[in-house]
Amino acid sequence: MRSRKVKGVFVVYGVFEGVSLDKMEIHGNALTQFPETASLPALRELVFSDNIISELSDTAFRKNPKLTLLEMSGNPITKVGSSTFAYLPNLKKL
């Protein structure tokens, strides 16, 4: 596994390979960037509130097509890509 430091947070590539998570909570971790590296196709709920994320790229959720709930309050988000939510056909609560 290789890792990369993302402004104070280590993201380990491949750490979730073969894991089937339904819900992930990464709130209150002082994340400054959204970690787009997790390929979690079964993920339905993602909570990353109360971090310091200011930007969401166009591909932020492309590896999480089954998301129905996305909680991101408490982040100073000022920039969202034009197709950030295009990969989320099942999203019901934002």
N, C-alpha and C. Protein backbone atom coordinates (compact mmCIF):
# COMPACT_ATOMS: atom_id res chain seq x y z
N MET A 1 0.83 -1.18 0.00
CA MET A 1 0.00 0.00 0.00
C MET A 1 0.87 1.24 0.00
N ARG A 2 0.47 2.21 -0.77
CA ARG A 2 1.18 3.47 -0.74
C ARG A 2 0.29 4.50 -0.07
N SER A 3 0.88 5.50 0.51
CA SER A 3 0.09 6.53 1.17
C SER A 3 0.52 7.90 0.72
N ARG A 4 -0.32 8.86 0.99
CA ARG A 4 -0.05 10.24 0.61
C ARG A 4 -0.59 11.12 1.72
N LYS A 5 0.18 12.09 2.12
CA LYS A 5 -0.27 13.01 3.16
C LYS A 5 -1.09 14.11 2.51
N VAL A 6 -2.32 14.28 2.98
CA VAL A 6 -3.22 15.29 2.45
C VAL A 6 -3.38 16.37 3.51
N LYS A 7 -2.50 17.35 3.47
CA LYS A 7 -2.56 18.49 4.39
C LYS A 7 -2.86 18.05 5.82
N GLY A 8 -2.02 17.23 6.37
CA GLY A 8 -2.16 16.83 7.76
C GLY A 8 -2.87 15.51 7.99
N VAL A 9 -3.39 14.90 6.93
CA VAL A 9 -4.10 13.63 7.06
C VAL A 9 -3.49 12.63 6.09
N PHE A 10 -3.20 11.45 6.56
CA PHE A 10 -2.66 10.42 5.68
C PHE A 10 -3.80 9.64 5.03
N VAL A 11 -3.75 9.51 3.72
CA VAL A 11 -4.71 8.71 2.98
C VAL A 11 -3.95 7.51 2.45
N VAL A 12 -4.38 6.33 2.80
CA VAL A 12 -3.70 5.12 2.37
C VAL A 12 -4.46 4.53 1.20
N TYR A 13 -3.79 4.45 0.06
CA TYR A 13 -4.40 3.90 -1.14
C TYR A 13 -4.61 2.40 -0.98
N GLY A 14 -5.77 1.93 -1.38
CA GLY A 14 -6.05 0.50 -1.33
C GLY A 14 -6.52 0.01 0.03
N VAL A 15 -6.60 0.89 1.02
CA VAL A 15 -6.98 0.46 2.36
C VAL A 15 -8.39 -0.12 2.41
N PHE A 16 -9.28 0.32 1.53
CA PHE A 16 -10.65 -0.17 1.54
C PHE A 16 -10.92 -1.21 0.46
N GLU A 17 -9.92 -1.65 -0.26
CA GLU A 17 -10.11 -2.64 -1.32
C GLU A 17 -10.71 -3.92 -0.73
N GLY A 18 -11.77 -4.39 -1.32
CA GLY A 18 -12.41 -5.62 -0.87
C GLY A 18 -13.31 -5.43 0.35
N VAL A 19 -13.40 -4.22 0.87
CA VAL A 19 -14.24 -3.94 2.04
C VAL A 19 -15.59 -3.44 1.54
N SER A 20 -16.65 -3.93 2.16
CA SER A 20 -17.99 -3.50 1.78
C SER A 20 -18.60 -2.70 2.93
N LEU A 21 -18.43 -1.40 2.88
CA LEU A 21 -18.97 -0.53 3.91
C LEU A 21 -20.31 0.04 3.46
N ASP A 22 -21.25 0.11 4.39
CA ASP A 22 -22.56 0.68 4.12
C ASP A 22 -22.60 2.14 4.59
N LYS A 23 -21.86 2.43 5.67
CA LYS A 23 -21.86 3.77 6.25
C LYS A 23 -20.45 4.14 6.68
N MET A 24 -20.05 5.39 6.42
CA MET A 24 -18.74 5.87 6.84
C MET A 24 -18.91 7.25 7.47
N GLU A 25 -18.32 7.41 8.66
CA GLU A 25 -18.36 8.69 9.35
C GLU A 25 -16.93 9.17 9.57
N ILE A 26 -16.59 10.27 8.93
CA ILE A 26 -15.25 10.85 9.09
C ILE A 26 -15.41 12.32 9.48
N HIS A 27 -16.35 12.56 10.38
CA HIS A 27 -16.62 13.93 10.81
C HIS A 27 -15.68 14.36 11.93
N GLY A 28 -15.41 15.65 11.99
CA GLY A 28 -14.59 16.22 13.05
C GLY A 28 -13.14 15.78 13.04
N ASN A 29 -12.56 15.58 11.87
CA ASN A 29 -11.18 15.11 11.76
C ASN A 29 -10.21 16.15 11.20
N ALA A 30 -10.64 17.39 11.08
CA ALA A 30 -9.80 18.47 10.55
C ALA A 30 -9.30 18.20 9.14
N LEU A 31 -10.09 17.46 8.33
CA LEU A 31 -9.73 17.21 6.94
C LEU A 31 -9.83 18.52 6.17
N THR A 32 -8.83 18.82 5.37
CA THR A 32 -8.85 20.03 4.56
C THR A 32 -9.20 19.74 3.11
N GLN A 33 -9.12 18.47 2.71
CA GLN A 33 -9.48 18.06 1.36
C GLN A 33 -10.31 16.79 1.47
N PHE A 34 -11.26 16.65 0.56
CA PHE A 34 -12.06 15.43 0.54
C PHE A 34 -11.23 14.30 -0.03
N PRO A 35 -11.09 13.18 0.70
CA PRO A 35 -10.28 12.05 0.21
C PRO A 35 -11.02 11.24 -0.84
N GLU A 36 -10.72 11.48 -2.10
CA GLU A 36 -11.41 10.82 -3.21
C GLU A 36 -10.87 9.42 -3.51
N THR A 37 -9.99 8.92 -2.70
CA THR A 37 -9.30 7.69 -3.04
C THR A 37 -10.08 6.42 -2.70
N ALA A 38 -11.10 6.53 -1.88
CA ALA A 38 -11.82 5.33 -1.44
C ALA A 38 -12.81 4.86 -2.50
N SER A 39 -12.62 3.64 -2.96
CA SER A 39 -13.56 3.02 -3.88
C SER A 39 -14.49 2.15 -3.04
N LEU A 40 -15.63 2.69 -2.71
CA LEU A 40 -16.60 2.00 -1.87
C LEU A 40 -17.95 1.96 -2.58
N PRO A 41 -18.09 1.07 -3.55
CA PRO A 41 -19.31 1.05 -4.35
C PRO A 41 -20.58 0.71 -3.58
N ALA A 42 -20.48 0.10 -2.40
CA ALA A 42 -21.67 -0.25 -1.61
C ALA A 42 -22.04 0.84 -0.60
N LEU A 43 -21.23 1.87 -0.49
CA LEU A 43 -21.45 2.92 0.50
C LEU A 43 -22.77 3.65 0.25
N ARG A 44 -23.60 3.72 1.29
CA ARG A 44 -24.91 4.38 1.17
C ARG A 44 -24.98 5.68 1.97
N GLU A 45 -24.22 5.76 3.06
CA GLU A 45 -24.24 6.96 3.89
C GLU A 45 -22.81 7.43 4.15
N LEU A 46 -22.57 8.71 3.89
CA LEU A 46 -21.25 9.28 4.11
C LEU A 46 -21.40 10.57 4.91
N VAL A 47 -20.76 10.61 6.07
CA VAL A 47 -20.81 11.78 6.94
C VAL A 47 -19.39 12.32 7.07
N PHE A 48 -19.17 13.53 6.55
CA PHE A 48 -17.86 14.16 6.71
C PHE A 48 -18.03 15.61 7.17
N SER A 49 -18.99 15.79 8.06
CA SER A 49 -19.27 17.11 8.62
C SER A 49 -18.18 17.56 9.59
N ASP A 50 -18.19 18.85 9.88
CA ASP A 50 -17.29 19.46 10.85
C ASP A 50 -15.80 19.19 10.58
N ASN A 51 -15.42 19.37 9.34
CA ASN A 51 -14.01 19.34 8.94
C ASN A 51 -13.69 20.73 8.40
N ILE A 52 -12.63 20.89 7.64
CA ILE A 52 -12.29 22.19 7.07
C ILE A 52 -12.16 22.08 5.55
N ILE A 53 -13.06 21.31 4.96
CA ILE A 53 -13.06 21.08 3.52
C ILE A 53 -13.72 22.27 2.84
N SER A 54 -13.03 22.87 1.88
CA SER A 54 -13.57 24.05 1.20
C SER A 54 -13.92 23.78 -0.26
N GLU A 55 -13.57 22.61 -0.77
CA GLU A 55 -13.76 22.35 -2.19
C GLU A 55 -14.13 20.89 -2.43
N LEU A 56 -15.06 20.66 -3.36
CA LEU A 56 -15.43 19.32 -3.80
C LEU A 56 -15.25 19.27 -5.31
N SER A 57 -14.42 18.37 -5.77
CA SER A 57 -14.14 18.28 -7.21
C SER A 57 -15.27 17.59 -7.96
N ASP A 58 -15.20 17.63 -9.27
CA ASP A 58 -16.19 16.97 -10.12
C ASP A 58 -16.25 15.46 -9.89
N THR A 59 -15.16 14.87 -9.46
CA THR A 59 -15.09 13.40 -9.31
C THR A 59 -15.11 12.95 -7.85
N ALA A 60 -15.48 13.83 -6.93
CA ALA A 60 -15.43 13.51 -5.50
C ALA A 60 -16.17 12.22 -5.14
N PHE A 61 -17.31 11.96 -5.76
CA PHE A 61 -18.13 10.81 -5.36
C PHE A 61 -18.30 9.77 -6.48
N ARG A 62 -17.46 9.82 -7.49
CA ARG A 62 -17.64 8.92 -8.64
C ARG A 62 -17.47 7.45 -8.30
N LYS A 63 -16.78 7.13 -7.21
CA LYS A 63 -16.58 5.74 -6.82
C LYS A 63 -17.58 5.28 -5.76
N ASN A 64 -18.61 6.10 -5.53
CA ASN A 64 -19.61 5.80 -4.50
C ASN A 64 -21.02 5.98 -5.07
N PRO A 65 -21.39 5.23 -6.11
CA PRO A 65 -22.65 5.47 -6.82
C PRO A 65 -23.92 5.16 -6.04
N LYS A 66 -23.83 4.43 -4.93
CA LYS A 66 -25.03 4.05 -4.19
C LYS A 66 -25.36 4.99 -3.03
N LEU A 67 -24.61 6.08 -2.91
CA LEU A 67 -24.86 7.02 -1.82
C LEU A 67 -26.29 7.53 -1.85
N THR A 68 -26.96 7.44 -0.69
CA THR A 68 -28.30 7.99 -0.56
C THR A 68 -28.30 9.17 0.40
N LEU A 69 -27.31 9.22 1.30
CA LEU A 69 -27.21 10.30 2.28
C LEU A 69 -25.80 10.85 2.27
N LEU A 70 -25.70 12.15 2.21
CA LEU A 70 -24.42 12.84 2.22
C LEU A 70 -24.52 13.99 3.21
N GLU A 71 -23.79 13.90 4.31
CA GLU A 71 -23.83 14.93 5.36
C GLU A 71 -22.49 15.64 5.38
N MET A 72 -22.50 16.93 5.04
CA MET A 72 -21.24 17.66 4.96
C MET A 72 -21.34 19.04 5.61
N SER A 73 -22.28 19.20 6.54
CA SER A 73 -22.43 20.49 7.23
C SER A 73 -21.20 20.79 8.07
N GLY A 74 -20.99 22.05 8.38
CA GLY A 74 -19.87 22.44 9.21
C GLY A 74 -18.55 22.52 8.47
N ASN A 75 -18.58 22.46 7.15
CA ASN A 75 -17.39 22.63 6.31
C ASN A 75 -17.51 23.97 5.59
N PRO A 76 -16.43 24.71 5.44
CA PRO A 76 -16.50 25.99 4.73
C PRO A 76 -16.42 25.81 3.21
N ILE A 77 -17.33 25.02 2.65
CA ILE A 77 -17.30 24.70 1.23
C ILE A 77 -17.66 25.94 0.41
N THR A 78 -16.73 26.35 -0.45
CA THR A 78 -16.95 27.52 -1.30
C THR A 78 -16.92 27.18 -2.78
N LYS A 79 -16.43 25.98 -3.11
CA LYS A 79 -16.33 25.60 -4.52
C LYS A 79 -16.80 24.15 -4.69
N VAL A 80 -17.75 23.97 -5.61
CA VAL A 80 -18.29 22.65 -5.93
C VAL A 80 -18.23 22.50 -7.44
N GLY A 81 -17.67 21.41 -7.92
CA GLY A 81 -17.57 21.17 -9.35
C GLY A 81 -18.95 21.08 -9.99
N SER A 82 -19.03 21.41 -11.27
CA SER A 82 -20.32 21.42 -11.97
C SER A 82 -20.96 20.04 -12.07
N SER A 83 -20.15 18.98 -11.98
CA SER A 83 -20.72 17.62 -12.05
C SER A 83 -20.40 16.79 -10.80
N THR A 84 -20.17 17.47 -9.69
CA THR A 84 -19.83 16.78 -8.43
C THR A 84 -20.87 15.74 -8.05
N PHE A 85 -22.14 16.04 -8.23
CA PHE A 85 -23.20 15.12 -7.81
C PHE A 85 -23.76 14.27 -8.96
N ALA A 86 -23.16 14.37 -10.13
CA ALA A 86 -23.64 13.62 -11.30
C ALA A 86 -23.53 12.11 -11.14
N TYR A 87 -22.63 11.66 -10.29
CA TYR A 87 -22.41 10.22 -10.10
C TYR A 87 -23.29 9.64 -9.00
N LEU A 88 -24.23 10.41 -8.50
CA LEU A 88 -25.06 9.99 -7.37
C LEU A 88 -26.54 9.93 -7.74
N PRO A 89 -26.94 8.96 -8.55
CA PRO A 89 -28.33 8.89 -8.97
C PRO A 89 -29.30 8.51 -7.84
N ASN A 90 -28.80 7.95 -6.74
CA ASN A 90 -29.66 7.51 -5.64
C ASN A 90 -29.69 8.48 -4.46
N LEU A 91 -29.02 9.62 -4.59
CA LEU A 91 -28.92 10.57 -3.49
C LEU A 91 -30.31 11.12 -3.13
N LYS A 92 -30.68 10.98 -1.84
CA LYS A 92 -31.97 11.43 -1.36
C LYS A 92 -31.84 12.56 -0.36
N LYS A 93 -30.75 12.57 0.41
CA LYS A 93 -30.60 13.60 1.43
C LYS A 93 -29.20 14.20 1.36
N LEU A 94 -29.16 15.50 1.22
CA LEU A 94 -27.91 16.25 1.13
C LEU A 94 -27.86 17.24 2.27
